[in-house]
Amino acid sequence: MVKFVLHKELAGEEINMSGWGYRIYYRSWLCIMLIVALAACSTGHISENYHDPEMDFSALRSVAVMPFANLTNDKLAAERVRNSFMTNLLATGVVYVIPPGEVARGIQRAGLVNPTAPSTDDVAKLTPIIGADAVITGVLTEYGEVRSGTTSANVISLNMQMIESQTRKVVWTASTTKGGISVWDRLFGGGGRPMNDVTEAAINDLLNKLFY
């Protein structure tokens, strides 16, 4: 029988393994190293953030969240995510979030052609009408289920920016991606997290970038 001697440096002991035992030991370590390698190569959750160093964010009193641009196949996704973002932003108690109905009426009165991507002139027209210190825009680039072979999971990708009303400058930008197929899903299967949980995680990530 083939013998394998493993030296345990910390314990100063020797363990004798048969060829069969060594193969199990070797495969276990190979699996661990594969997981580590996949984790290292994985892009993980994308997270970017920018704050204008000259902007005093504590001076903000009211903000308007514009309709989000929707680059996904789910026609209702952008409005759903926008509503969740507004609710969570209001819940922070840091700023007053102008109700979507008031924002919609302001967009109509200001004659904005593309409210999902307002120009600086659009911001100058809109903010006095609705009394906003800044407007927040968003672009939803991914929303829903993604598949890889037999594995599937929910994912959301969202890019956002804030435009200050007086200077008309972009004072904050951030992006986030949450969910997706993880290393563990690929190795052991699994359906990922529910869409509501993934969306909540993405929104919380963006709010953390905005205020903290």
C-alpha atoms as a PDB file:
ATOM      1  CA  MET A   1       0.000   0.000   0.000  1.00  0.00           C
ATOM      2  CA  VAL A   2       1.256   3.457  -0.901  1.00  0.00           C
ATOM      3  CA  LYS A   3       1.916   5.611   2.147  1.00  0.00           C
ATOM      4  CA  PHE A   4       1.853   9.402   2.234  1.00  0.00           C
ATOM      5  CA  VAL A   5       3.350  11.318   5.128  1.00  0.00           C
ATOM      6  CA  LEU A   6       1.923  14.755   5.862  1.00  0.00           C
ATOM      7  CA  HIS A   7       4.019  16.885   8.178  1.00  0.00           C
ATOM      8  CA  LYS A   8       1.946  19.171  10.384  1.00  0.00           C
ATOM      9  CA  GLU A   9       4.268  22.041  11.099  1.00  0.00           C
ATOM     10  CA  LEU A  10       2.293  23.493  13.945  1.00  0.00           C
ATOM     11  CA  ALA A  11       1.670  20.278  15.800  1.00  0.00           C
ATOM     12  CA  GLY A  12       4.922  18.576  14.907  1.00  0.00           C
ATOM     13  CA  GLU A  13       3.031  15.376  14.115  1.00  0.00           C
ATOM     14  CA  GLU A  14       2.993  12.966  11.220  1.00  0.00           C
ATOM     15  CA  ILE A  15      -0.118  11.554   9.589  1.00  0.00           C
ATOM     16  CA  ASN A  16       0.048   8.390   7.467  1.00  0.00           C
ATOM     17  CA  MET A  17      -2.385   8.262   4.566  1.00  0.00           C
ATOM     18  CA  SER A  18      -3.101   5.543   2.083  1.00  0.00           C
ATOM     19  CA  GLY A  19      -3.144   6.392  -1.615  1.00  0.00           C
ATOM     20  CA  TRP A  20      -6.935   6.583  -1.404  1.00  0.00           C
ATOM     21  CA  GLY A  21      -6.819   8.970   1.543  1.00  0.00           C
ATOM     22  CA  TYR A  22      -4.278  11.153  -0.177  1.00  0.00           C
ATOM     23  CA  ARG A  23      -6.479  11.467  -3.256  1.00  0.00           C
ATOM     24  CA  ILE A  24      -9.379  12.693  -1.110  1.00  0.00           C
ATOM     25  CA  TYR A  25      -7.073  15.125   0.680  1.00  0.00           C
ATOM     26  CA  TYR A  26      -5.671  16.394  -2.618  1.00  0.00           C
ATOM     27  CA  ARG A  27      -9.074  16.836  -4.221  1.00  0.00           C
ATOM     28  CA  SER A  28     -10.349  18.736  -1.186  1.00  0.00           C
ATOM     29  CA  TRP A  29      -7.478  21.182  -1.396  1.00  0.00           C
ATOM     30  CA  LEU A  30      -7.927  21.456  -5.150  1.00  0.00           C
ATOM     31  CA  CYS A  31     -11.577  22.391  -4.652  1.00  0.00           C
ATOM     32  CA  ILE A  32     -10.662  25.034  -2.073  1.00  0.00           C
ATOM     33  CA  MET A  33      -8.029  26.540  -4.369  1.00  0.00           C
ATOM     34  CA  LEU A  34     -10.536  26.597  -7.250  1.00  0.00           C
ATOM     35  CA  ILE A  35     -13.039  28.520  -5.124  1.00  0.00           C
ATOM     36  CA  VAL A  36     -10.370  31.029  -4.118  1.00  0.00           C
ATOM     37  CA  ALA A  37      -9.277  31.463  -7.730  1.00  0.00           C
ATOM     38  CA  LEU A  38     -12.822  32.016  -8.944  1.00  0.00           C
ATOM     39  CA  ALA A  39     -13.476  34.522  -6.191  1.00  0.00           C
ATOM     40  CA  ALA A  40     -10.315  36.403  -7.093  1.00  0.00           C
ATOM     41  CA  CYS A  41     -11.251  36.523 -10.786  1.00  0.00           C
ATOM     42  CA  SER A  42     -14.872  37.492 -10.141  1.00  0.00           C
ATOM     43  CA  THR A  43     -15.771  41.117 -10.701  1.00  0.00           C
ATOM     44  CA  GLY A  44     -18.099  40.957  -7.692  1.00  0.00           C
ATOM     45  CA  HIS A  45     -20.315  43.933  -6.995  1.00  0.00           C
ATOM     46  CA  ILE A  46     -19.414  47.000  -8.988  1.00  0.00           C
ATOM     47  CA  SER A  47     -19.333  50.108  -6.870  1.00  0.00           C
ATOM     48  CA  GLU A  48     -18.310  53.633  -7.939  1.00  0.00           C
ATOM     49  CA  ASN A  49     -18.833  56.963  -6.240  1.00  0.00           C
ATOM     50  CA  TYR A  50     -18.007  60.665  -6.729  1.00  0.00           C
ATOM     51  CA  HIS A  51     -18.715  63.704  -4.556  1.00  0.00           C
ATOM     52  CA  ASP A  52     -18.005  67.273  -5.593  1.00  0.00           C
ATOM     53  CA  PRO A  53     -15.543  68.462  -2.911  1.00  0.00           C
ATOM     54  CA  GLU A  54     -16.969  71.995  -3.121  1.00  0.00           C
ATOM     55  CA  MET A  55     -20.550  70.899  -2.489  1.00  0.00           C
ATOM     56  CA  ASP A  56     -22.071  71.202   0.995  1.00  0.00           C
ATOM     57  CA  PHE A  57     -24.481  68.276   0.979  1.00  0.00           C
ATOM     58  CA  SER A  58     -25.733  69.158   4.461  1.00  0.00           C
ATOM     59  CA  ALA A  59     -27.289  72.296   2.955  1.00  0.00           C
ATOM     60  CA  LEU A  60     -29.721  70.255   0.859  1.00  0.00           C
ATOM     61  CA  ARG A  61     -33.293  70.548   2.070  1.00  0.00           C
ATOM     62  CA  SER A  62     -35.398  69.131  -0.763  1.00  0.00           C
ATOM     63  CA  VAL A  63     -34.630  66.995  -3.796  1.00  0.00           C
ATOM     64  CA  ALA A  64     -36.608  65.815  -6.806  1.00  0.00           C
ATOM     65  CA  VAL A  65     -36.070  62.298  -8.093  1.00  0.00           C
ATOM     66  CA  MET A  66     -36.658  62.352 -11.836  1.00  0.00           C
ATOM     67  CA  PRO A  67     -38.129  59.395 -13.788  1.00  0.00           C
ATOM     68  CA  PHE A  68     -35.426  56.791 -14.352  1.00  0.00           C
ATOM     69  CA  ALA A  69     -34.213  55.831 -17.817  1.00  0.00           C
ATOM     70  CA  ASN A  70     -34.910  52.156 -18.457  1.00  0.00           C
ATOM     71  CA  LEU A  71     -32.461  50.096 -20.520  1.00  0.00           C
ATOM     72  CA  THR A  72     -33.936  46.749 -19.460  1.00  0.00           C
ATOM     73  CA  ASN A  73     -36.618  44.556 -20.991  1.00  0.00           C
ATOM     74  CA  ASP A  74     -38.940  45.078 -18.026  1.00  0.00           C
ATOM     75  CA  LYS A  75     -41.031  48.124 -18.903  1.00  0.00           C
ATOM     76  CA  LEU A  76     -42.176  48.661 -15.307  1.00  0.00           C
ATOM     77  CA  ALA A  77     -38.775  48.140 -13.670  1.00  0.00           C
ATOM     78  CA  ALA A  78     -37.584  51.752 -13.745  1.00  0.00           C
ATOM     79  CA  GLU A  79     -40.696  53.145 -12.066  1.00  0.00           C
ATOM     80  CA  ARG A  80     -40.621  50.344  -9.499  1.00  0.00           C
ATOM     81  CA  VAL A  81     -37.000  51.024  -8.599  1.00  0.00           C
ATOM     82  CA  ARG A  82     -37.553  54.796  -8.569  1.00  0.00           C
ATOM     83  CA  ASN A  83     -40.419  54.455  -6.099  1.00  0.00           C
ATOM     84  CA  SER A  84     -38.307  52.241  -3.835  1.00  0.00           C
ATOM     85  CA  PHE A  85     -35.421  54.693  -3.997  1.00  0.00           C
ATOM     86  CA  MET A  86     -37.671  57.643  -3.128  1.00  0.00           C
ATOM     87  CA  THR A  87     -39.206  55.789  -0.196  1.00  0.00           C
ATOM     88  CA  ASN A  88     -35.829  54.832   1.234  1.00  0.00           C
ATOM     89  CA  LEU A  89     -34.377  58.303   0.631  1.00  0.00           C
ATOM     90  CA  LEU A  90     -37.306  59.915   2.463  1.00  0.00           C
ATOM     91  CA  ALA A  91     -36.929  57.404   5.299  1.00  0.00           C
ATOM     92  CA  THR A  92     -33.405  58.632   5.997  1.00  0.00           C
ATOM     93  CA  GLY A  93     -34.863  61.918   7.250  1.00  0.00           C
ATOM     94  CA  VAL A  94     -31.910  63.782   5.760  1.00  0.00           C
ATOM     95  CA  VAL A  95     -33.810  65.573   2.991  1.00  0.00           C
ATOM     96  CA  TYR A  96     -37.383  66.135   1.901  1.00  0.00           C
ATOM     97  CA  VAL A  97     -38.253  64.146  -1.213  1.00  0.00           C
ATOM     98  CA  ILE A  98     -40.721  65.977  -3.443  1.00  0.00           C
ATOM     99  CA  PRO A  99     -43.686  63.683  -4.244  1.00  0.00           C
ATOM    100  CA  PRO A 100     -43.676  62.175  -7.754  1.00  0.00           C
ATOM    101  CA  GLY A 101     -46.979  63.843  -8.623  1.00  0.00           C
ATOM    102  CA  GLU A 102     -45.511  67.293  -7.958  1.00  0.00           C
ATOM    103  CA  VAL A 103     -42.424  66.383  -9.957  1.00  0.00           C
ATOM    104  CA  ALA A 104     -44.602  65.246 -12.877  1.00  0.00           C
ATOM    105  CA  ARG A 105     -46.606  68.486 -12.841  1.00  0.00           C
ATOM    106  CA  GLY A 106     -43.393  70.493 -12.658  1.00  0.00           C
ATOM    107  CA  ILE A 107     -41.972  68.592 -15.639  1.00  0.00           C
ATOM    108  CA  GLN A 108     -45.106  69.412 -17.628  1.00  0.00           C
ATOM    109  CA  ARG A 109     -45.083  73.103 -16.677  1.00  0.00           C
ATOM    110  CA  ALA A 110     -41.375  73.435 -17.464  1.00  0.00           C
ATOM    111  CA  GLY A 111     -41.892  71.741 -20.822  1.00  0.00           C
ATOM    112  CA  LEU A 112     -39.123  69.177 -20.364  1.00  0.00           C
ATOM    113  CA  VAL A 113     -38.758  67.004 -23.446  1.00  0.00           C
ATOM    114  CA  ASN A 114     -36.582  64.317 -21.856  1.00  0.00           C
ATOM    115  CA  PRO A 115     -37.050  64.305 -18.058  1.00  0.00           C
ATOM    116  CA  THR A 116     -34.917  61.168 -17.623  1.00  0.00           C
ATOM    117  CA  ALA A 117     -31.853  63.137 -18.772  1.00  0.00           C
ATOM    118  CA  PRO A 118     -32.500  66.820 -18.094  1.00  0.00           C
ATOM    119  CA  SER A 119     -30.104  69.437 -19.422  1.00  0.00           C
ATOM    120  CA  THR A 120     -28.742  72.242 -17.267  1.00  0.00           C
ATOM    121  CA  ASP A 121     -31.374  74.548 -18.753  1.00  0.00           C
ATOM    122  CA  ASP A 122     -34.060  72.011 -17.861  1.00  0.00           C
ATOM    123  CA  VAL A 123     -32.832  71.958 -14.259  1.00  0.00           C
ATOM    124  CA  ALA A 124     -32.896  75.762 -14.156  1.00  0.00           C
ATOM    125  CA  LYS A 125     -36.525  75.768 -15.349  1.00  0.00           C
ATOM    126  CA  LEU A 126     -37.784  72.921 -13.179  1.00  0.00           C
ATOM    127  CA  THR A 127     -36.258  73.493  -9.738  1.00  0.00           C
ATOM    128  CA  PRO A 128     -37.899  76.889  -9.032  1.00  0.00           C
ATOM    129  CA  ILE A 129     -41.302  75.467  -9.973  1.00  0.00           C
ATOM    130  CA  ILE A 130     -41.129  72.538  -7.561  1.00  0.00           C
ATOM    131  CA  GLY A 131     -38.840  74.109  -4.970  1.00  0.00           C
ATOM    132  CA  ALA A 132     -35.981  71.616  -5.276  1.00  0.00           C
ATOM    133  CA  ASP A 133     -32.400  72.237  -4.197  1.00  0.00           C
ATOM    134  CA  ALA A 134     -31.248  69.451  -6.496  1.00  0.00           C
ATOM    135  CA  VAL A 135     -32.521  66.810  -8.883  1.00  0.00           C
ATOM    136  CA  ILE A 136     -31.495  63.165  -8.955  1.00  0.00           C
ATOM    137  CA  THR A 137     -31.524  61.153 -12.172  1.00  0.00           C
ATOM    138  CA  GLY A 138     -31.061  57.434 -12.652  1.00  0.00           C
ATOM    139  CA  VAL A 139     -30.381  54.914 -15.398  1.00  0.00           C
ATOM    140  CA  LEU A 140     -31.429  51.307 -14.831  1.00  0.00           C
ATOM    141  CA  THR A 141     -29.174  49.112 -16.967  1.00  0.00           C
ATOM    142  CA  GLU A 142     -29.940  45.640 -15.565  1.00  0.00           C
ATOM    143  CA  TYR A 143     -32.964  44.267 -13.775  1.00  0.00           C
ATOM    144  CA  GLY A 144     -34.221  40.719 -13.453  1.00  0.00           C
ATOM    145  CA  GLU A 145     -32.976  37.200 -13.951  1.00  0.00           C
ATOM    146  CA  VAL A 146     -29.659  36.251 -15.509  1.00  0.00           C
ATOM    147  CA  ARG A 147     -28.670  32.710 -16.447  1.00  0.00           C
ATOM    148  CA  SER A 148     -25.437  30.809 -16.884  1.00  0.00           C
ATOM    149  CA  GLY A 149     -25.989  27.221 -17.936  1.00  0.00           C
ATOM    150  CA  THR A 150     -28.476  25.747 -15.491  1.00  0.00           C
ATOM    151  CA  THR A 151     -27.825  28.412 -12.849  1.00  0.00           C
ATOM    152  CA  SER A 152     -29.898  31.589 -12.542  1.00  0.00           C
ATOM    153  CA  ALA A 153     -30.061  34.575 -10.209  1.00  0.00           C
ATOM    154  CA  ASN A 154     -31.518  38.069  -9.989  1.00  0.00           C
ATOM    155  CA  VAL A 155     -29.375  41.137 -10.678  1.00  0.00           C
ATOM    156  CA  ILE A 156     -29.774  44.909 -10.700  1.00  0.00           C
ATOM    157  CA  SER A 157     -27.440  47.612 -12.038  1.00  0.00           C
ATOM    158  CA  LEU A 158     -28.204  51.273 -11.458  1.00  0.00           C
ATOM    159  CA  ASN A 159     -26.327  54.498 -12.253  1.00  0.00           C
ATOM    160  CA  MET A 160     -27.336  57.763 -10.558  1.00  0.00           C
ATOM    161  CA  GLN A 161     -26.332  61.398 -10.417  1.00  0.00           C
ATOM    162  CA  MET A 162     -27.352  64.570  -8.598  1.00  0.00           C
ATOM    163  CA  ILE A 163     -27.464  68.021 -10.209  1.00  0.00           C
ATOM    164  CA  GLU A 164     -27.464  71.024  -7.877  1.00  0.00           C
ATOM    165  CA  SER A 165     -30.040  73.653  -8.777  1.00  0.00           C
ATOM    166  CA  GLN A 166     -28.063  76.895  -8.380  1.00  0.00           C
ATOM    167  CA  THR A 167     -24.770  75.914 -10.009  1.00  0.00           C
ATOM    168  CA  ARG A 168     -26.394  73.320 -12.321  1.00  0.00           C
ATOM    169  CA  LYS A 169     -23.328  71.161 -11.709  1.00  0.00           C
ATOM    170  CA  VAL A 170     -23.248  67.399 -11.309  1.00  0.00           C
ATOM    171  CA  VAL A 171     -22.251  67.137  -7.646  1.00  0.00           C
ATOM    172  CA  TRP A 172     -22.642  63.396  -7.108  1.00  0.00           C
ATOM    173  CA  THR A 173     -22.517  60.272  -9.224  1.00  0.00           C
ATOM    174  CA  ALA A 174     -22.647  56.655  -8.148  1.00  0.00           C
ATOM    175  CA  SER A 175     -23.266  53.227  -9.579  1.00  0.00           C
ATOM    176  CA  THR A 176     -24.005  49.872  -8.073  1.00  0.00           C
ATOM    177  CA  THR A 177     -24.572  46.289  -9.144  1.00  0.00           C
ATOM    178  CA  LYS A 178     -26.103  43.796  -6.746  1.00  0.00           C
ATOM    179  CA  GLY A 179     -27.107  40.181  -7.088  1.00  0.00           C
ATOM    180  CA  GLY A 180     -26.017  38.052 -10.003  1.00  0.00           C
ATOM    181  CA  ILE A 181     -24.605  34.543 -10.065  1.00  0.00           C
ATOM    182  CA  SER A 182     -22.052  34.045  -7.319  1.00  0.00           C
ATOM    183  CA  VAL A 183     -19.146  31.613  -7.167  1.00  0.00           C
ATOM    184  CA  TRP A 184     -21.126  29.420  -4.780  1.00  0.00           C
ATOM    185  CA  ASP A 185     -24.091  29.387  -7.185  1.00  0.00           C
ATOM    186  CA  ARG A 186     -21.816  28.202 -10.001  1.00  0.00           C
ATOM    187  CA  LEU A 187     -20.210  25.472  -7.921  1.00  0.00           C
ATOM    188  CA  PHE A 188     -23.151  24.211  -5.906  1.00  0.00           C
ATOM    189  CA  GLY A 189     -26.235  25.580  -7.671  1.00  0.00           C
ATOM    190  CA  GLY A 190     -28.847  27.939  -6.274  1.00  0.00           C
ATOM    191  CA  GLY A 191     -31.336  30.524  -7.400  1.00  0.00           C
ATOM    192  CA  GLY A 192     -29.784  33.614  -5.842  1.00  0.00           C
ATOM    193  CA  ARG A 193     -31.664  36.201  -3.779  1.00  0.00           C
ATOM    194  CA  PRO A 194     -35.219  37.488  -4.369  1.00  0.00           C
ATOM    195  CA  MET A 195     -35.515  40.545  -6.611  1.00  0.00           C
ATOM    196  CA  ASN A 196     -36.863  42.715  -3.790  1.00  0.00           C
ATOM    197  CA  ASP A 197     -33.849  41.917  -1.608  1.00  0.00           C
ATOM    198  CA  VAL A 198     -31.411  42.610  -4.441  1.00  0.00           C
ATOM    199  CA  THR A 199     -33.120  45.937  -5.198  1.00  0.00           C
ATOM    200  CA  GLU A 200     -33.082  46.928  -1.527  1.00  0.00           C
ATOM    201  CA  ALA A 201     -29.365  46.140  -1.304  1.00  0.00           C
ATOM    202  CA  ALA A 202     -28.618  48.294  -4.357  1.00  0.00           C
ATOM    203  CA  ILE A 203     -30.622  51.243  -3.036  1.00  0.00           C
ATOM    204  CA  ASN A 204     -29.002  51.057   0.392  1.00  0.00           C
ATOM    205  CA  ASP A 205     -25.598  50.977  -1.279  1.00  0.00           C
ATOM    206  CA  LEU A 206     -26.398  54.150  -3.224  1.00  0.00           C
ATOM    207  CA  LEU A 207     -27.749  55.958  -0.170  1.00  0.00           C
ATOM    208  CA  ASN A 208     -24.629  55.052   1.787  1.00  0.00           C
ATOM    209  CA  LYS A 209     -22.552  56.561  -0.990  1.00  0.00           C
ATOM    210  CA  LEU A 210     -24.644  59.719  -1.018  1.00  0.00           C
ATOM    211  CA  PHE A 211     -24.696  60.524   2.695  1.00  0.00           C
ATOM    212  CA  TYR A 212     -21.897  58.609   4.393  1.00  0.00           C
END
